[in-house]
Amino acid sequence: MTTLSVPDMTCGHCKASVEAALAPLAAKVEVDLATRQVRAEGAPTAALVAALAEIGFPASELT
């Protein structure tokens, strides 16, 4: 499972947008608004980061 930091995700609408952008790519998506982290399974990290960048949410992988 890939964990991404999405620092610009600040509200419920942001969370919904992130989930909608990643749902077609990943088998499982978990968004934690409190920590501003996204966990996704079943998709390459680069594809996840690119999908979030397209909707205005820069993301980076947490190690």
Protein backbone atom coordinates (compact mmCIF):
# COMPACT_ATOMS: atom_id res chain seq x y z
CA MET A 1 0.00 0.00 0.00
CA THR A 2 1.28 3.47 -0.90
CA THR A 3 0.97 6.34 1.59
CA LEU A 4 0.94 9.87 0.22
CA SER A 5 1.12 13.21 1.97
CA VAL A 6 -1.41 15.66 0.52
CA PRO A 7 -0.84 18.88 2.50
CA ASP A 8 -3.36 21.01 0.59
CA MET A 9 -6.28 18.70 1.45
CA THR A 10 -8.12 20.67 4.14
CA CYS A 11 -11.86 19.98 3.98
CA GLY A 12 -14.54 17.42 3.19
CA HIS A 13 -14.82 18.65 -0.40
CA CYS A 14 -11.06 18.17 -0.85
CA LYS A 15 -11.37 14.65 0.53
CA ALA A 16 -14.18 13.81 -1.88
CA SER A 17 -12.21 15.21 -4.82
CA VAL A 18 -9.15 13.16 -3.92
CA GLU A 19 -11.21 9.99 -3.52
CA ALA A 20 -12.91 10.57 -6.88
CA ALA A 21 -9.59 11.16 -8.65
CA LEU A 22 -7.97 8.01 -7.27
CA ALA A 23 -10.91 5.60 -7.34
CA PRO A 24 -10.49 4.70 -11.04
CA LEU A 25 -6.79 3.93 -10.49
CA ALA A 26 -6.60 2.13 -7.17
CA ALA A 27 -8.32 -0.97 -5.83
CA LYS A 28 -8.55 0.62 -2.38
CA VAL A 29 -8.33 4.26 -1.27
CA GLU A 30 -8.32 5.52 2.32
CA VAL A 31 -8.25 9.28 2.91
CA ASP A 32 -7.44 10.67 6.35
CA LEU A 33 -8.28 14.35 6.42
CA ALA A 34 -6.89 14.85 9.94
CA THR A 35 -3.38 13.76 8.95
CA ARG A 36 -3.74 14.87 5.31
CA GLN A 37 -2.63 11.46 4.14
CA VAL A 38 -3.93 9.08 1.51
CA ARG A 39 -3.33 5.35 1.43
CA ALA A 40 -3.93 3.62 -1.88
CA GLU A 41 -3.50 0.06 -3.03
CA GLY A 42 -3.20 -1.37 -6.51
CA ALA A 43 -1.76 1.54 -8.48
CA PRO A 44 1.76 2.83 -9.17
CA THR A 45 2.82 5.75 -7.00
CA ALA A 46 3.61 7.91 -10.02
CA ALA A 47 0.08 7.44 -11.38
CA LEU A 48 -1.45 8.41 -8.04
CA VAL A 49 0.73 11.51 -7.71
CA ALA A 50 -0.03 12.53 -11.31
CA ALA A 51 -3.79 12.12 -10.82
CA LEU A 52 -3.71 14.31 -7.72
CA ALA A 53 -1.55 16.94 -9.42
CA GLU A 54 -4.11 17.11 -12.25
CA ILE A 55 -6.81 18.17 -9.80
CA GLY A 56 -4.57 20.66 -7.96
CA PHE A 57 -3.39 18.57 -5.02
CA PRO A 58 0.39 18.13 -5.05
CA ALA A 59 1.33 14.94 -3.25
CA SER A 60 4.49 13.15 -2.20
CA GLU A 61 5.10 9.60 -1.05
CA LEU A 62 5.77 9.00 2.63
CA THR A 63 8.43 6.44 3.39
